[in-house]
Amino acid sequence: MFDVQFARRQMIEQQVRAWEVLDLKVLDALQQVPREEFAPAAYRDLAFADTCVPIGHGQVMLAPKVEGRILQALEIQPDDHALEIGTGTGFFAACIGRLARSVRTIDIFPDFVAGAVDNLRRTGVNNVVAATADAMQLAERDAYDVIAVTGSLPVYDARFEQALKVGGRLFVTVGTGPVLEAQKVTRVGASEWVRESLFETGMAPLIHAAEPPRFVF
């Protein structure tokens, strides 16, 4: 019989901690949110594996160690209001919700949002609101303490950093190659942001994200 609790502990100890995620609040969030309840039924046995789990539309659940690194980098506080771009199954939004006061999560695929709402309700998560929306139409300003963009941007788009409050933190992955740069962007003033390179990873691009100009010879 598959031992879910053992698999969860192994995920935390052998994958997440091993990738330098040592923040106890983050580890607790990954421990407490039942990842297996958010994984598609066909891939539930892979819920705790060190891999990206397919969820449809060419999208995936991020590997647990990547989720841990993102949560740790964002330094989420109990009074923070967060935005997640890319709802997927709702798992990562639920993890953010363990750390923040409230989470708004958006996805361009209505079936993802409907499924995530069911998953969040079934697992007792009550501080996450999910909606269908195109992230590339985001026009909010000075609205969030934390923003996590879980699809990559071939070209950096300033709309996300503009949506941060002063003191807010953004996670975003930028680039076009198979290996992309994960960045943390902190808004330190009304018109000043500080960027920090975190790690290299792979991540599917956001739908409708701008592409870099193509050279024609």
C-alpha atoms as a PDB file:
ATOM      1  CA  MET A   1       0.000   0.000   0.000  1.00  0.00           C
ATOM      2  CA  PHE A   2       1.230   3.488  -0.883  1.00  0.00           C
ATOM      3  CA  ASP A   3       2.215   5.349   2.281  1.00  0.00           C
ATOM      4  CA  VAL A   4       1.239   8.959   1.621  1.00  0.00           C
ATOM      5  CA  GLN A   5       2.726  10.382   4.804  1.00  0.00           C
ATOM      6  CA  PHE A   6       6.052   8.626   4.214  1.00  0.00           C
ATOM      7  CA  ALA A   7       6.137   9.885   0.625  1.00  0.00           C
ATOM      8  CA  ARG A   8       5.392  13.420   1.812  1.00  0.00           C
ATOM      9  CA  ARG A   9       8.212  13.302   4.378  1.00  0.00           C
ATOM     10  CA  GLN A  10      10.607  11.961   1.757  1.00  0.00           C
ATOM     11  CA  MET A  11       9.622  14.776  -0.595  1.00  0.00           C
ATOM     12  CA  ILE A  12      10.376  17.365   2.081  1.00  0.00           C
ATOM     13  CA  GLU A  13      13.648  15.851   3.274  1.00  0.00           C
ATOM     14  CA  GLN A  14      15.209  14.525   0.074  1.00  0.00           C
ATOM     15  CA  GLN A  15      14.000  17.076  -2.470  1.00  0.00           C
ATOM     16  CA  VAL A  16      12.972  20.360  -0.861  1.00  0.00           C
ATOM     17  CA  ARG A  17      15.487  20.583   1.986  1.00  0.00           C
ATOM     18  CA  ALA A  18      18.196  19.249  -0.304  1.00  0.00           C
ATOM     19  CA  TRP A  19      17.639  22.271  -2.571  1.00  0.00           C
ATOM     20  CA  GLU A  20      18.430  24.670   0.271  1.00  0.00           C
ATOM     21  CA  VAL A  21      14.844  25.320   1.324  1.00  0.00           C
ATOM     22  CA  LEU A  22      15.235  25.578   5.098  1.00  0.00           C
ATOM     23  CA  ASP A  23      12.512  28.085   6.078  1.00  0.00           C
ATOM     24  CA  LEU A  24      10.408  26.160   8.586  1.00  0.00           C
ATOM     25  CA  LYS A  25       7.194  27.998   7.656  1.00  0.00           C
ATOM     26  CA  VAL A  26       7.665  27.025   4.008  1.00  0.00           C
ATOM     27  CA  LEU A  27       8.418  23.414   4.878  1.00  0.00           C
ATOM     28  CA  ASP A  28       5.333  23.326   7.080  1.00  0.00           C
ATOM     29  CA  ALA A  29       3.162  24.691   4.252  1.00  0.00           C
ATOM     30  CA  LEU A  30       4.401  21.983   1.891  1.00  0.00           C
ATOM     31  CA  GLN A  31       3.828  19.421   4.632  1.00  0.00           C
ATOM     32  CA  GLN A  32       0.309  20.551   5.508  1.00  0.00           C
ATOM     33  CA  VAL A  33      -1.213  21.084   2.052  1.00  0.00           C
ATOM     34  CA  PRO A  34      -2.150  17.603   0.732  1.00  0.00           C
ATOM     35  CA  ARG A  35      -0.384  17.630  -2.638  1.00  0.00           C
ATOM     36  CA  GLU A  36      -1.927  14.302  -3.639  1.00  0.00           C
ATOM     37  CA  GLU A  37      -5.401  15.872  -3.473  1.00  0.00           C
ATOM     38  CA  PHE A  38      -4.420  18.424  -6.122  1.00  0.00           C
ATOM     39  CA  ALA A  39      -2.638  16.096  -8.544  1.00  0.00           C
ATOM     40  CA  PRO A  40      -4.674  14.758 -11.487  1.00  0.00           C
ATOM     41  CA  ALA A  41      -6.027  11.298 -10.712  1.00  0.00           C
ATOM     42  CA  ALA A  42      -3.970   9.700 -13.493  1.00  0.00           C
ATOM     43  CA  TYR A  43      -0.748  11.065 -11.985  1.00  0.00           C
ATOM     44  CA  ARG A  44      -1.494  10.846  -8.276  1.00  0.00           C
ATOM     45  CA  ASP A  45       1.297   8.306  -7.788  1.00  0.00           C
ATOM     46  CA  LEU A  46       3.720  10.983  -9.038  1.00  0.00           C
ATOM     47  CA  ALA A  47       2.439  13.691  -6.696  1.00  0.00           C
ATOM     48  CA  PHE A  48       5.555  13.528  -4.493  1.00  0.00           C
ATOM     49  CA  ALA A  49       8.104  12.730  -7.204  1.00  0.00           C
ATOM     50  CA  ASP A  50      10.967  15.061  -8.104  1.00  0.00           C
ATOM     51  CA  THR A  51       9.343  15.970 -11.398  1.00  0.00           C
ATOM     52  CA  CYS A  52       6.782  18.219 -13.044  1.00  0.00           C
ATOM     53  CA  VAL A  53       3.341  16.562 -13.152  1.00  0.00           C
ATOM     54  CA  PRO A  54       1.293  17.048 -16.372  1.00  0.00           C
ATOM     55  CA  ILE A  55      -2.098  18.658 -15.777  1.00  0.00           C
ATOM     56  CA  GLY A  56      -3.335  19.333 -19.335  1.00  0.00           C
ATOM     57  CA  HIS A  57      -3.095  22.173 -21.871  1.00  0.00           C
ATOM     58  CA  GLY A  58       0.660  21.586 -21.986  1.00  0.00           C
ATOM     59  CA  GLN A  59       0.936  22.794 -18.363  1.00  0.00           C
ATOM     60  CA  VAL A  60       2.404  21.111 -15.276  1.00  0.00           C
ATOM     61  CA  MET A  61       2.511  21.197 -11.508  1.00  0.00           C
ATOM     62  CA  LEU A  62       5.972  22.521 -10.713  1.00  0.00           C
ATOM     63  CA  ALA A  63       8.433  20.182  -9.008  1.00  0.00           C
ATOM     64  CA  PRO A  64       8.169  20.401  -5.183  1.00  0.00           C
ATOM     65  CA  LYS A  65      11.706  21.738  -4.760  1.00  0.00           C
ATOM     66  CA  VAL A  66      11.006  24.603  -7.172  1.00  0.00           C
ATOM     67  CA  GLU A  67       7.805  25.477  -5.322  1.00  0.00           C
ATOM     68  CA  GLY A  68       9.762  25.484  -2.075  1.00  0.00           C
ATOM     69  CA  ARG A  69      12.428  27.801  -3.446  1.00  0.00           C
ATOM     70  CA  ILE A  70       9.804  30.226  -4.756  1.00  0.00           C
ATOM     71  CA  LEU A  71       7.952  30.329  -1.437  1.00  0.00           C
ATOM     72  CA  GLN A  72      11.186  30.851   0.473  1.00  0.00           C
ATOM     73  CA  ALA A  73      12.376  33.636  -1.839  1.00  0.00           C
ATOM     74  CA  LEU A  74       9.086  35.546  -1.553  1.00  0.00           C
ATOM     75  CA  GLU A  75       9.372  35.800   2.261  1.00  0.00           C
ATOM     76  CA  ILE A  76       5.580  35.750   2.613  1.00  0.00           C
ATOM     77  CA  GLN A  77       4.237  37.358   5.791  1.00  0.00           C
ATOM     78  CA  PRO A  78       0.953  36.600   7.623  1.00  0.00           C
ATOM     79  CA  ASP A  79      -0.664  39.922   6.621  1.00  0.00           C
ATOM     80  CA  ASP A  80       0.382  39.772   2.965  1.00  0.00           C
ATOM     81  CA  HIS A  81      -2.075  39.901   0.076  1.00  0.00           C
ATOM     82  CA  ALA A  82      -0.777  37.721  -2.750  1.00  0.00           C
ATOM     83  CA  LEU A  83      -1.424  37.200  -6.449  1.00  0.00           C
ATOM     84  CA  GLU A  84      -0.581  33.979  -8.250  1.00  0.00           C
ATOM     85  CA  ILE A  85      -0.401  33.937 -12.045  1.00  0.00           C
ATOM     86  CA  GLY A  86      -1.156  30.409 -13.246  1.00  0.00           C
ATOM     87  CA  THR A  87      -3.621  28.568 -11.007  1.00  0.00           C
ATOM     88  CA  GLY A  88      -3.187  25.098 -12.433  1.00  0.00           C
ATOM     89  CA  THR A  89      -4.653  22.633  -9.918  1.00  0.00           C
ATOM     90  CA  GLY A  90      -4.642  25.167  -7.062  1.00  0.00           C
ATOM     91  CA  PHE A  91      -1.887  23.481  -5.043  1.00  0.00           C
ATOM     92  CA  PHE A  92       0.617  26.320  -5.110  1.00  0.00           C
ATOM     93  CA  ALA A  93      -2.074  28.876  -4.326  1.00  0.00           C
ATOM     94  CA  ALA A  94      -3.021  26.774  -1.303  1.00  0.00           C
ATOM     95  CA  CYS A  95       0.616  26.769  -0.158  1.00  0.00           C
ATOM     96  CA  ILE A  96       0.800  30.554  -0.519  1.00  0.00           C
ATOM     97  CA  GLY A  97      -2.464  30.718   1.415  1.00  0.00           C
ATOM     98  CA  ARG A  98      -0.852  28.899   4.342  1.00  0.00           C
ATOM     99  CA  LEU A  99       1.619  31.784   4.605  1.00  0.00           C
ATOM    100  CA  ALA A 100      -0.366  34.870   3.505  1.00  0.00           C
ATOM    101  CA  ARG A 101      -3.585  36.543   4.603  1.00  0.00           C
ATOM    102  CA  SER A 102      -5.245  36.177   1.200  1.00  0.00           C
ATOM    103  CA  VAL A 103      -4.484  34.937  -2.287  1.00  0.00           C
ATOM    104  CA  ARG A 104      -5.978  35.827  -5.655  1.00  0.00           C
ATOM    105  CA  THR A 105      -5.057  33.296  -8.304  1.00  0.00           C
ATOM    106  CA  ILE A 106      -5.820  33.605 -12.010  1.00  0.00           C
ATOM    107  CA  ASP A 107      -5.540  31.274 -14.979  1.00  0.00           C
ATOM    108  CA  ILE A 108      -6.454  31.617 -18.638  1.00  0.00           C
ATOM    109  CA  PHE A 109      -7.997  28.108 -18.753  1.00  0.00           C
ATOM    110  CA  PRO A 110     -11.527  28.005 -17.248  1.00  0.00           C
ATOM    111  CA  ASP A 111     -11.351  24.251 -16.577  1.00  0.00           C
ATOM    112  CA  PHE A 112      -8.216  24.740 -14.481  1.00  0.00           C
ATOM    113  CA  VAL A 113      -9.979  27.382 -12.409  1.00  0.00           C
ATOM    114  CA  ALA A 114     -13.067  25.207 -11.923  1.00  0.00           C
ATOM    115  CA  GLY A 115     -10.950  22.232 -10.890  1.00  0.00           C
ATOM    116  CA  ALA A 116      -8.834  24.339  -8.547  1.00  0.00           C
ATOM    117  CA  VAL A 117     -11.944  25.770  -6.876  1.00  0.00           C
ATOM    118  CA  ASP A 118     -13.129  22.218  -6.224  1.00  0.00           C
ATOM    119  CA  ASN A 119      -9.720  21.163  -4.900  1.00  0.00           C
ATOM    120  CA  LEU A 120      -9.433  24.182  -2.622  1.00  0.00           C
ATOM    121  CA  ARG A 121     -12.942  23.714  -1.259  1.00  0.00           C
ATOM    122  CA  ARG A 122     -12.443  19.993  -0.682  1.00  0.00           C
ATOM    123  CA  THR A 123      -9.204  20.550   1.240  1.00  0.00           C
ATOM    124  CA  GLY A 124     -10.611  23.343   3.405  1.00  0.00           C
ATOM    125  CA  VAL A 125      -8.685  26.276   1.929  1.00  0.00           C
ATOM    126  CA  ASN A 126     -10.815  29.383   2.466  1.00  0.00           C
ATOM    127  CA  ASN A 127      -8.480  32.338   1.819  1.00  0.00           C
ATOM    128  CA  VAL A 128      -7.848  31.735  -1.896  1.00  0.00           C
ATOM    129  CA  VAL A 129     -10.050  33.220  -4.632  1.00  0.00           C
ATOM    130  CA  ALA A 130      -9.609  31.822  -8.158  1.00  0.00           C
ATOM    131  CA  ALA A 131     -10.738  33.486 -11.377  1.00  0.00           C
ATOM    132  CA  THR A 132     -10.361  33.034 -15.121  1.00  0.00           C
ATOM    133  CA  ALA A 133      -8.270  35.861 -16.565  1.00  0.00           C
ATOM    134  CA  ASP A 134      -5.444  36.583 -18.980  1.00  0.00           C
ATOM    135  CA  ALA A 135      -2.374  37.643 -17.001  1.00  0.00           C
ATOM    136  CA  MET A 136      -1.147  39.674 -19.940  1.00  0.00           C
ATOM    137  CA  GLN A 137      -4.158  41.971 -19.468  1.00  0.00           C
ATOM    138  CA  LEU A 138      -3.258  42.698 -15.828  1.00  0.00           C
ATOM    139  CA  ALA A 139      -3.557  46.431 -15.215  1.00  0.00           C
ATOM    140  CA  GLU A 140      -3.567  46.688 -11.412  1.00  0.00           C
ATOM    141  CA  ARG A 141      -1.098  49.021  -9.707  1.00  0.00           C
ATOM    142  CA  ASP A 142       0.261  49.054  -6.145  1.00  0.00           C
ATOM    143  CA  ALA A 143      -2.054  46.180  -5.205  1.00  0.00           C
ATOM    144  CA  TYR A 144      -0.092  43.195  -3.852  1.00  0.00           C
ATOM    145  CA  ASP A 145       2.590  42.363  -1.316  1.00  0.00           C
ATOM    146  CA  VAL A 146       3.535  39.181  -3.161  1.00  0.00           C
ATOM    147  CA  ILE A 147       3.182  38.074  -6.792  1.00  0.00           C
ATOM    148  CA  ALA A 148       4.214  34.638  -8.048  1.00  0.00           C
ATOM    149  CA  VAL A 149       4.278  34.155 -11.822  1.00  0.00           C
ATOM    150  CA  THR A 150       4.388  30.418 -12.470  1.00  0.00           C
ATOM    151  CA  GLY A 151       4.803  30.655 -16.239  1.00  0.00           C
ATOM    152  CA  SER A 152       7.904  32.119 -17.848  1.00  0.00           C
ATOM    153  CA  LEU A 153       8.226  35.418 -19.696  1.00  0.00           C
ATOM    154  CA  PRO A 154      10.305  35.284 -22.895  1.00  0.00           C
ATOM    155  CA  VAL A 155      10.642  39.056 -22.490  1.00  0.00           C
ATOM    156  CA  TYR A 156      10.448  40.744 -19.098  1.00  0.00           C
ATOM    157  CA  ASP A 157       7.107  42.526 -18.629  1.00  0.00           C
ATOM    158  CA  ALA A 158       6.982  45.423 -16.174  1.00  0.00           C
ATOM    159  CA  ARG A 159       3.224  45.119 -15.571  1.00  0.00           C
ATOM    160  CA  PHE A 160       3.849  42.617 -12.771  1.00  0.00           C
ATOM    161  CA  GLU A 161       6.349  44.717 -10.831  1.00  0.00           C
ATOM    162  CA  GLN A 162       3.996  47.705 -11.207  1.00  0.00           C
ATOM    163  CA  ALA A 163       1.283  45.683  -9.440  1.00  0.00           C
ATOM    164  CA  LEU A 164       3.438  45.392  -6.315  1.00  0.00           C
ATOM    165  CA  LYS A 165       3.033  47.638  -3.313  1.00  0.00           C
ATOM    166  CA  VAL A 166       6.215  49.328  -2.085  1.00  0.00           C
ATOM    167  CA  GLY A 167       8.063  46.593  -0.208  1.00  0.00           C
ATOM    168  CA  GLY A 168       6.365  43.894  -2.299  1.00  0.00           C
ATOM    169  CA  ARG A 169       8.159  40.913  -3.845  1.00  0.00           C
ATOM    170  CA  LEU A 170       7.696  39.354  -7.287  1.00  0.00           C
ATOM    171  CA  PHE A 171       8.855  35.947  -8.489  1.00  0.00           C
ATOM    172  CA  VAL A 172       9.270  35.642 -12.238  1.00  0.00           C
ATOM    173  CA  THR A 173      11.214  33.474 -14.679  1.00  0.00           C
ATOM    174  CA  VAL A 174      12.646  35.160 -17.762  1.00  0.00           C
ATOM    175  CA  GLY A 175      14.190  33.919 -21.002  1.00  0.00           C
ATOM    176  CA  THR A 176      13.676  31.819 -24.109  1.00  0.00           C
ATOM    177  CA  GLY A 177      16.107  28.917 -23.829  1.00  0.00           C
ATOM    178  CA  PRO A 178      15.610  25.559 -22.181  1.00  0.00           C
ATOM    179  CA  VAL A 179      17.317  27.023 -19.090  1.00  0.00           C
ATOM    180  CA  LEU A 180      15.713  30.204 -17.770  1.00  0.00           C
ATOM    181  CA  GLU A 181      16.630  32.652 -15.019  1.00  0.00           C
ATOM    182  CA  ALA A 182      14.376  32.761 -11.982  1.00  0.00           C
ATOM    183  CA  GLN A 183      14.334  36.234 -10.469  1.00  0.00           C
ATOM    184  CA  LYS A 184      13.070  37.970  -7.361  1.00  0.00           C
ATOM    185  CA  VAL A 185      12.057  41.595  -7.904  1.00  0.00           C
ATOM    186  CA  THR A 186      11.502  43.778  -4.830  1.00  0.00           C
ATOM    187  CA  ARG A 187       9.785  47.147  -5.066  1.00  0.00           C
ATOM    188  CA  VAL A 188      11.823  49.429  -2.817  1.00  0.00           C
ATOM    189  CA  GLY A 189      10.256  52.756  -3.783  1.00  0.00           C
ATOM    190  CA  ALA A 190       7.565  54.406  -5.868  1.00  0.00           C
ATOM    191  CA  SER A 191       9.701  54.048  -8.991  1.00  0.00           C
ATOM    192  CA  GLU A 192      12.534  51.784  -7.851  1.00  0.00           C
ATOM    193  CA  TRP A 193      12.891  48.009  -7.979  1.00  0.00           C
ATOM    194  CA  VAL A 194      15.761  45.691  -7.046  1.00  0.00           C
ATOM    195  CA  ARG A 195      16.325  42.478  -9.014  1.00  0.00           C
ATOM    196  CA  GLU A 196      18.020  39.360  -7.699  1.00  0.00           C
ATOM    197  CA  SER A 197      18.916  36.230  -9.664  1.00  0.00           C
ATOM    198  CA  LEU A 198      17.769  33.135  -7.751  1.00  0.00           C
ATOM    199  CA  PHE A 199      18.397  29.972  -9.763  1.00  0.00           C
ATOM    200  CA  GLU A 200      18.082  28.452 -13.216  1.00  0.00           C
ATOM    201  CA  THR A 201      15.073  26.368 -14.183  1.00  0.00           C
ATOM    202  CA  GLY A 202      12.772  25.410 -17.019  1.00  0.00           C
ATOM    203  CA  MET A 203       9.196  26.657 -17.203  1.00  0.00           C
ATOM    204  CA  ALA A 204       6.556  26.878 -19.939  1.00  0.00           C
ATOM    205  CA  PRO A 205       5.852  30.427 -21.130  1.00  0.00           C
ATOM    206  CA  LEU A 206       2.715  32.271 -20.145  1.00  0.00           C
ATOM    207  CA  ILE A 207       0.008  32.180 -22.778  1.00  0.00           C
ATOM    208  CA  HIS A 208       0.046  35.433 -24.793  1.00  0.00           C
ATOM    209  CA  ALA A 209       3.384  36.545 -23.313  1.00  0.00           C
ATOM    210  CA  ALA A 210       5.381  38.801 -25.610  1.00  0.00           C
ATOM    211  CA  GLU A 211       8.097  37.162 -27.703  1.00  0.00           C
ATOM    212  CA  PRO A 212      11.499  38.711 -28.369  1.00  0.00           C
ATOM    213  CA  PRO A 213      11.979  40.234 -31.835  1.00  0.00           C
ATOM    214  CA  ARG A 214      13.153  37.763 -34.444  1.00  0.00           C
ATOM    215  CA  PHE A 215      16.170  38.675 -36.540  1.00  0.00           C
ATOM    216  CA  VAL A 216      15.720  38.378 -40.277  1.00  0.00           C
ATOM    217  CA  PHE A 217      18.858  37.990 -42.402  1.00  0.00           C
END
